[in-house]
């Protein structure tokens, strides 16, 4: 599921329709999708809910789970497949009863955050940023491949998806360092050839 985790919001799409970009990525083989509606010009309210519904329907047509970033109430309202929380979002223990049998992800950028996190109900952790990224204005200091390697040694069991500045040209060493998968925003959202770029990612797992 974590092999190629596409994260995207409407502010990441320029000059194209969100649904078109997502469907191309789904056809090409992404394995998980997260709706992250943040940043300048992002949608809210009913407009955001309707877009989320359409994107979820599209994901399910390709048997790909649909995850909502941060907005746990939206995830409940549209019966999303899961929720991804940051360190400053709602605490997992306060909403876990509402998300039984759902996928729960948590962002972890360093070992202090790992130690302070309740991972009992977490299905995977998003570790990064690995490299500098322009897709997230609130991104923390990059930890490099060494962050992934050390986190894997620190916890040999938890599924790890790497995030932050990752492309299909720099992901091989991340996977070799112990990540179970990689996540990306702009390398797919802004791709001039989504099919080819997705295939290039997936080729590393062969």
C-alpha atoms as a PDB file:
ATOM      1  CA  UNK A   1       0.000   0.000   0.000  1.00  0.00           C
ATOM      2  CA  UNK A   2       2.828   2.424   0.830  1.00  0.00           C
ATOM      3  CA  UNK A   3       4.925   1.786  -2.294  1.00  0.00           C
ATOM      4  CA  UNK A   4       3.903   4.979  -4.082  1.00  0.00           C
ATOM      5  CA  UNK A   5       1.845   7.333  -1.944  1.00  0.00           C
ATOM      6  CA  UNK A   6       0.560  10.355  -3.877  1.00  0.00           C
ATOM      7  CA  UNK A   7      -0.355  13.378  -1.744  1.00  0.00           C
ATOM      8  CA  UNK A   8      -2.147  16.301  -3.328  1.00  0.00           C
ATOM      9  CA  UNK A   9      -4.495  19.239  -2.866  1.00  0.00           C
ATOM     10  CA  UNK A  10      -6.051  21.654  -5.309  1.00  0.00           C
ATOM     11  CA  UNK A  11      -3.304  24.243  -4.690  1.00  0.00           C
ATOM     12  CA  UNK A  12      -0.732  21.744  -6.009  1.00  0.00           C
ATOM     13  CA  UNK A  13      -2.455  21.528  -9.400  1.00  0.00           C
ATOM     14  CA  UNK A  14      -1.732  24.273 -11.916  1.00  0.00           C
ATOM     15  CA  UNK A  15      -3.421  24.525 -15.311  1.00  0.00           C
ATOM     16  CA  UNK A  16      -5.123  21.135 -15.106  1.00  0.00           C
ATOM     17  CA  UNK A  17      -8.132  19.513 -13.496  1.00  0.00           C
ATOM     18  CA  UNK A  18      -7.487  17.765 -10.189  1.00  0.00           C
ATOM     19  CA  UNK A  19      -9.522  14.715 -11.221  1.00  0.00           C
ATOM     20  CA  UNK A  20      -7.568  14.368 -14.481  1.00  0.00           C
ATOM     21  CA  UNK A  21      -4.216  14.401 -12.667  1.00  0.00           C
ATOM     22  CA  UNK A  22      -5.402  11.905 -10.072  1.00  0.00           C
ATOM     23  CA  UNK A  23      -6.888   9.535 -12.641  1.00  0.00           C
ATOM     24  CA  UNK A  24      -3.681   9.549 -14.686  1.00  0.00           C
ATOM     25  CA  UNK A  25      -1.739   8.725 -11.514  1.00  0.00           C
ATOM     26  CA  UNK A  26      -4.196   5.973 -10.581  1.00  0.00           C
ATOM     27  CA  UNK A  27      -4.036   4.450 -14.055  1.00  0.00           C
ATOM     28  CA  UNK A  28      -0.237   4.525 -13.893  1.00  0.00           C
ATOM     29  CA  UNK A  29      -0.182   2.621 -10.610  1.00  0.00           C
ATOM     30  CA  UNK A  30      -0.054   4.772  -7.451  1.00  0.00           C
ATOM     31  CA  UNK A  31      -0.860   2.618  -4.430  1.00  0.00           C
ATOM     32  CA  UNK A  32      -2.278   5.164  -1.961  1.00  0.00           C
ATOM     33  CA  UNK A  33      -3.712   8.677  -2.200  1.00  0.00           C
ATOM     34  CA  UNK A  34      -3.958  11.433   0.408  1.00  0.00           C
ATOM     35  CA  UNK A  35      -6.180  14.485  -0.022  1.00  0.00           C
ATOM     36  CA  UNK A  36      -4.202  17.345   1.555  1.00  0.00           C
ATOM     37  CA  UNK A  37      -6.217  20.506   1.041  1.00  0.00           C
ATOM     38  CA  UNK A  38      -3.990  23.229   2.502  1.00  0.00           C
ATOM     39  CA  UNK A  39      -2.217  26.367   1.387  1.00  0.00           C
ATOM     40  CA  UNK A  40      -3.197  29.518  -0.528  1.00  0.00           C
ATOM     41  CA  UNK A  41      -6.454  29.195  -2.443  1.00  0.00           C
ATOM     42  CA  UNK A  42      -7.399  25.899  -0.826  1.00  0.00           C
ATOM     43  CA  UNK A  43     -11.053  24.934  -0.616  1.00  0.00           C
ATOM     44  CA  UNK A  44     -13.163  24.623   2.506  1.00  0.00           C
ATOM     45  CA  UNK A  45     -16.703  23.840   3.559  1.00  0.00           C
ATOM     46  CA  UNK A  46     -19.082  22.197   1.105  1.00  0.00           C
ATOM     47  CA  UNK A  47     -16.784  22.795  -1.866  1.00  0.00           C
ATOM     48  CA  UNK A  48     -13.994  20.867  -0.144  1.00  0.00           C
ATOM     49  CA  UNK A  49     -16.360  18.061   0.850  1.00  0.00           C
ATOM     50  CA  UNK A  50     -17.721  17.642  -2.670  1.00  0.00           C
ATOM     51  CA  UNK A  51     -14.221  17.526  -4.155  1.00  0.00           C
ATOM     52  CA  UNK A  52     -13.191  14.939  -1.566  1.00  0.00           C
ATOM     53  CA  UNK A  53     -16.221  12.817  -2.453  1.00  0.00           C
ATOM     54  CA  UNK A  54     -15.349  12.900  -6.152  1.00  0.00           C
ATOM     55  CA  UNK A  55     -11.706  12.031  -5.517  1.00  0.00           C
ATOM     56  CA  UNK A  56     -12.646   9.175  -3.181  1.00  0.00           C
ATOM     57  CA  UNK A  57     -14.976   7.734  -5.805  1.00  0.00           C
ATOM     58  CA  UNK A  58     -12.173   7.924  -8.367  1.00  0.00           C
ATOM     59  CA  UNK A  59      -9.708   6.176  -6.044  1.00  0.00           C
ATOM     60  CA  UNK A  60     -12.166   3.397  -5.308  1.00  0.00           C
ATOM     61  CA  UNK A  61     -12.709   2.822  -9.022  1.00  0.00           C
ATOM     62  CA  UNK A  62      -9.029   1.797  -9.104  1.00  0.00           C
ATOM     63  CA  UNK A  63      -9.080  -0.002  -5.729  1.00  0.00           C
ATOM     64  CA  UNK A  64      -6.745   2.546  -4.156  1.00  0.00           C
ATOM     65  CA  UNK A  65      -7.386   3.691  -0.552  1.00  0.00           C
ATOM     66  CA  UNK A  66      -8.369   7.344  -0.047  1.00  0.00           C
ATOM     67  CA  UNK A  67      -6.825   9.122   2.956  1.00  0.00           C
ATOM     68  CA  UNK A  68      -7.708  12.582   4.298  1.00  0.00           C
ATOM     69  CA  UNK A  69      -4.977  14.767   5.765  1.00  0.00           C
ATOM     70  CA  UNK A  70      -5.662  16.399   9.142  1.00  0.00           C
ATOM     71  CA  UNK A  71      -9.422  17.027   8.703  1.00  0.00           C
ATOM     72  CA  UNK A  72     -10.740  14.039  10.660  1.00  0.00           C
ATOM     73  CA  UNK A  73     -14.320  15.336  10.610  1.00  0.00           C
ATOM     74  CA  UNK A  74     -14.284  15.392   6.797  1.00  0.00           C
ATOM     75  CA  UNK A  75     -12.820  11.881   6.806  1.00  0.00           C
ATOM     76  CA  UNK A  76     -15.753  10.724   8.915  1.00  0.00           C
ATOM     77  CA  UNK A  77     -18.357  12.633   6.905  1.00  0.00           C
ATOM     78  CA  UNK A  78     -17.361  11.043   3.602  1.00  0.00           C
ATOM     79  CA  UNK A  79     -16.338   7.660   5.045  1.00  0.00           C
ATOM     80  CA  UNK A  80     -12.739   7.963   3.875  1.00  0.00           C
ATOM     81  CA  UNK A  81     -10.476   4.933   4.145  1.00  0.00           C
ATOM     82  CA  UNK A  82      -8.296   6.667   6.688  1.00  0.00           C
ATOM     83  CA  UNK A  83      -6.770   9.761   8.207  1.00  0.00           C
ATOM     84  CA  UNK A  84      -3.228  11.152   8.292  1.00  0.00           C
ATOM     85  CA  UNK A  85      -2.319  13.356  11.240  1.00  0.00           C
ATOM     86  CA  UNK A  86       0.580  15.686  11.899  1.00  0.00           C
ATOM     87  CA  UNK A  87       2.195  16.279  15.260  1.00  0.00           C
ATOM     88  CA  UNK A  88       0.136  19.442  15.758  1.00  0.00           C
ATOM     89  CA  UNK A  89      -3.189  17.935  14.642  1.00  0.00           C
ATOM     90  CA  UNK A  90      -5.795  16.175  16.745  1.00  0.00           C
ATOM     91  CA  UNK A  91      -4.257  13.521  18.993  1.00  0.00           C
ATOM     92  CA  UNK A  92      -4.933   9.978  17.814  1.00  0.00           C
ATOM     93  CA  UNK A  93      -6.110   8.795  21.226  1.00  0.00           C
ATOM     94  CA  UNK A  94      -8.957  11.337  21.209  1.00  0.00           C
ATOM     95  CA  UNK A  95     -10.434  10.137  17.904  1.00  0.00           C
ATOM     96  CA  UNK A  96      -9.403   6.492  17.662  1.00  0.00           C
ATOM     97  CA  UNK A  97     -12.870   5.202  18.539  1.00  0.00           C
ATOM     98  CA  UNK A  98     -14.243   6.993  15.474  1.00  0.00           C
ATOM     99  CA  UNK A  99     -11.676   5.362  13.188  1.00  0.00           C
ATOM    100  CA  UNK A 100     -11.963   1.681  13.952  1.00  0.00           C
ATOM    101  CA  UNK A 101     -10.942  -0.443  10.959  1.00  0.00           C
ATOM    102  CA  UNK A 102      -9.559   2.657   9.194  1.00  0.00           C
ATOM    103  CA  UNK A 103      -6.004   3.447   8.101  1.00  0.00           C
ATOM    104  CA  UNK A 104      -4.210   5.848  10.452  1.00  0.00           C
ATOM    105  CA  UNK A 105      -0.954   7.563   9.532  1.00  0.00           C
ATOM    106  CA  UNK A 106       1.188   9.932  11.583  1.00  0.00           C
ATOM    107  CA  UNK A 107       3.950  12.348  10.569  1.00  0.00           C
ATOM    108  CA  UNK A 108       7.233  11.968  12.453  1.00  0.00           C
ATOM    109  CA  UNK A 109      10.187  14.212  11.644  1.00  0.00           C
ATOM    110  CA  UNK A 110      12.628  13.251  14.404  1.00  0.00           C
ATOM    111  CA  UNK A 111      13.201  10.832  17.272  1.00  0.00           C
ATOM    112  CA  UNK A 112      11.796  13.190  19.888  1.00  0.00           C
ATOM    113  CA  UNK A 113       8.468  13.215  18.039  1.00  0.00           C
ATOM    114  CA  UNK A 114       8.624   9.436  17.682  1.00  0.00           C
ATOM    115  CA  UNK A 115       9.136   9.001  21.435  1.00  0.00           C
ATOM    116  CA  UNK A 116       6.257  11.367  22.239  1.00  0.00           C
ATOM    117  CA  UNK A 117       3.831   9.695  19.809  1.00  0.00           C
ATOM    118  CA  UNK A 118       1.255   7.067  20.639  1.00  0.00           C
ATOM    119  CA  UNK A 119       1.909   4.513  17.898  1.00  0.00           C
ATOM    120  CA  UNK A 120      -0.378   1.837  19.307  1.00  0.00           C
ATOM    121  CA  UNK A 121      -3.093   2.547  16.741  1.00  0.00           C
ATOM    122  CA  UNK A 122      -0.887   3.859  13.916  1.00  0.00           C
ATOM    123  CA  UNK A 123      -0.641   1.838  10.701  1.00  0.00           C
ATOM    124  CA  UNK A 124       2.352   3.726   9.311  1.00  0.00           C
ATOM    125  CA  UNK A 125       4.528   6.758   9.997  1.00  0.00           C
ATOM    126  CA  UNK A 126       5.432   9.390   7.424  1.00  0.00           C
ATOM    127  CA  UNK A 127       9.092  10.207   8.053  1.00  0.00           C
ATOM    128  CA  UNK A 128      10.738  13.346   6.744  1.00  0.00           C
ATOM    129  CA  UNK A 129      11.404  15.644   5.183  1.00  0.00           C
ATOM    130  CA  UNK A 130      14.221  13.626   3.681  1.00  0.00           C
ATOM    131  CA  UNK A 131      15.210  16.465   1.354  1.00  0.00           C
ATOM    132  CA  UNK A 132      14.234  20.122   1.139  1.00  0.00           C
ATOM    133  CA  UNK A 133      10.758  20.587  -0.297  1.00  0.00           C
ATOM    134  CA  UNK A 134       8.774  23.526  -1.646  1.00  0.00           C
ATOM    135  CA  UNK A 135       5.441  21.682  -1.471  1.00  0.00           C
ATOM    136  CA  UNK A 136       4.987  22.227   2.269  1.00  0.00           C
ATOM    137  CA  UNK A 137       5.443  25.683   3.750  1.00  0.00           C
ATOM    138  CA  UNK A 138       5.580  24.192   7.263  1.00  0.00           C
ATOM    139  CA  UNK A 139       8.177  21.528   6.463  1.00  0.00           C
ATOM    140  CA  UNK A 140      10.890  20.992   9.047  1.00  0.00           C
ATOM    141  CA  UNK A 141      14.647  20.698   8.531  1.00  0.00           C
ATOM    142  CA  UNK A 142      15.560  17.850   6.120  1.00  0.00           C
ATOM    143  CA  UNK A 143      17.031  14.775   7.770  1.00  0.00           C
ATOM    144  CA  UNK A 144      18.456  13.146   4.669  1.00  0.00           C
ATOM    145  CA  UNK A 145      18.624   9.428   3.966  1.00  0.00           C
ATOM    146  CA  UNK A 146      20.292   9.032   7.353  1.00  0.00           C
ATOM    147  CA  UNK A 147      16.979   9.915   9.040  1.00  0.00           C
ATOM    148  CA  UNK A 148      15.294   6.968   7.313  1.00  0.00           C
ATOM    149  CA  UNK A 149      18.139   4.600   8.087  1.00  0.00           C
ATOM    150  CA  UNK A 150      18.255   5.551  11.775  1.00  0.00           C
ATOM    151  CA  UNK A 151      14.469   5.466  12.140  1.00  0.00           C
ATOM    152  CA  UNK A 152      14.423   1.951  10.688  1.00  0.00           C
ATOM    153  CA  UNK A 153      17.103   0.854  13.162  1.00  0.00           C
ATOM    154  CA  UNK A 154      15.176   2.590  15.955  1.00  0.00           C
ATOM    155  CA  UNK A 155      11.987   0.687  15.109  1.00  0.00           C
ATOM    156  CA  UNK A 156      12.357  -2.373  12.922  1.00  0.00           C
ATOM    157  CA  UNK A 157       8.610  -3.079  12.715  1.00  0.00           C
ATOM    158  CA  UNK A 158       6.653   0.108  12.026  1.00  0.00           C
ATOM    159  CA  UNK A 159       5.855   0.699   8.342  1.00  0.00           C
ATOM    160  CA  UNK A 160       7.746   3.795   7.156  1.00  0.00           C
ATOM    161  CA  UNK A 161       6.862   5.973   4.210  1.00  0.00           C
ATOM    162  CA  UNK A 162       9.466   8.614   3.368  1.00  0.00           C
ATOM    163  CA  UNK A 163       8.456  12.141   2.398  1.00  0.00           C
ATOM    164  CA  UNK A 164      10.038  15.424   1.393  1.00  0.00           C
ATOM    165  CA  UNK A 165      11.738  16.414  -1.838  1.00  0.00           C
ATOM    166  CA  UNK A 166      11.624  12.878  -3.225  1.00  0.00           C
ATOM    167  CA  UNK A 167      11.726  12.211  -6.957  1.00  0.00           C
ATOM    168  CA  UNK A 168      12.063   9.067  -9.046  1.00  0.00           C
ATOM    169  CA  UNK A 169      15.742   9.933  -9.449  1.00  0.00           C
ATOM    170  CA  UNK A 170      16.668  10.068  -5.750  1.00  0.00           C
ATOM    171  CA  UNK A 171      14.388   7.459  -4.160  1.00  0.00           C
ATOM    172  CA  UNK A 172      16.471   4.307  -4.644  1.00  0.00           C
ATOM    173  CA  UNK A 173      18.775   4.944  -1.685  1.00  0.00           C
ATOM    174  CA  UNK A 174      15.777   5.859   0.493  1.00  0.00           C
ATOM    175  CA  UNK A 175      14.234   2.457  -0.126  1.00  0.00           C
ATOM    176  CA  UNK A 176      17.571   0.754   0.488  1.00  0.00           C
ATOM    177  CA  UNK A 177      17.829   2.640   3.787  1.00  0.00           C
ATOM    178  CA  UNK A 178      14.710   0.894   5.036  1.00  0.00           C
ATOM    179  CA  UNK A 179      11.649   2.826   3.896  1.00  0.00           C
ATOM    180  CA  UNK A 180       8.666   0.654   2.944  1.00  0.00           C
ATOM    181  CA  UNK A 181       7.502   3.261   0.448  1.00  0.00           C
ATOM    182  CA  UNK A 182       7.814   6.827  -0.679  1.00  0.00           C
ATOM    183  CA  UNK A 183       5.352   9.677  -0.847  1.00  0.00           C
ATOM    184  CA  UNK A 184       5.393  12.601  -3.200  1.00  0.00           C
ATOM    185  CA  UNK A 185       3.434  15.697  -4.104  1.00  0.00           C
ATOM    186  CA  UNK A 186       4.953  17.789  -6.844  1.00  0.00           C
ATOM    187  CA  UNK A 187       6.845  15.090  -8.751  1.00  0.00           C
ATOM    188  CA  UNK A 188       3.437  13.745  -9.811  1.00  0.00           C
ATOM    189  CA  UNK A 189       1.205  16.824  -9.463  1.00  0.00           C
ATOM    190  CA  UNK A 190       3.503  18.902 -11.677  1.00  0.00           C
ATOM    191  CA  UNK A 191       4.693  16.077 -13.927  1.00  0.00           C
ATOM    192  CA  UNK A 192       4.682  16.528 -17.672  1.00  0.00           C
ATOM    193  CA  UNK A 193       4.358  12.764 -18.120  1.00  0.00           C
ATOM    194  CA  UNK A 194       2.588  11.216 -15.123  1.00  0.00           C
ATOM    195  CA  UNK A 195       2.485   7.703 -16.591  1.00  0.00           C
ATOM    196  CA  UNK A 196       6.223   7.619 -17.185  1.00  0.00           C
ATOM    197  CA  UNK A 197       7.138   9.223 -13.864  1.00  0.00           C
ATOM    198  CA  UNK A 198       4.949   6.837 -11.866  1.00  0.00           C
ATOM    199  CA  UNK A 199       6.372   3.860 -13.755  1.00  0.00           C
ATOM    200  CA  UNK A 200       9.895   5.061 -12.970  1.00  0.00           C
ATOM    201  CA  UNK A 201       9.077   5.015  -9.246  1.00  0.00           C
ATOM    202  CA  UNK A 202       7.507   1.579  -9.359  1.00  0.00           C
ATOM    203  CA  UNK A 203      10.442   0.125 -11.307  1.00  0.00           C
ATOM    204  CA  UNK A 204      12.549   0.350  -8.122  1.00  0.00           C
ATOM    205  CA  UNK A 205      10.384  -2.329  -6.507  1.00  0.00           C
ATOM    206  CA  UNK A 206      10.965  -4.903  -9.256  1.00  0.00           C
END
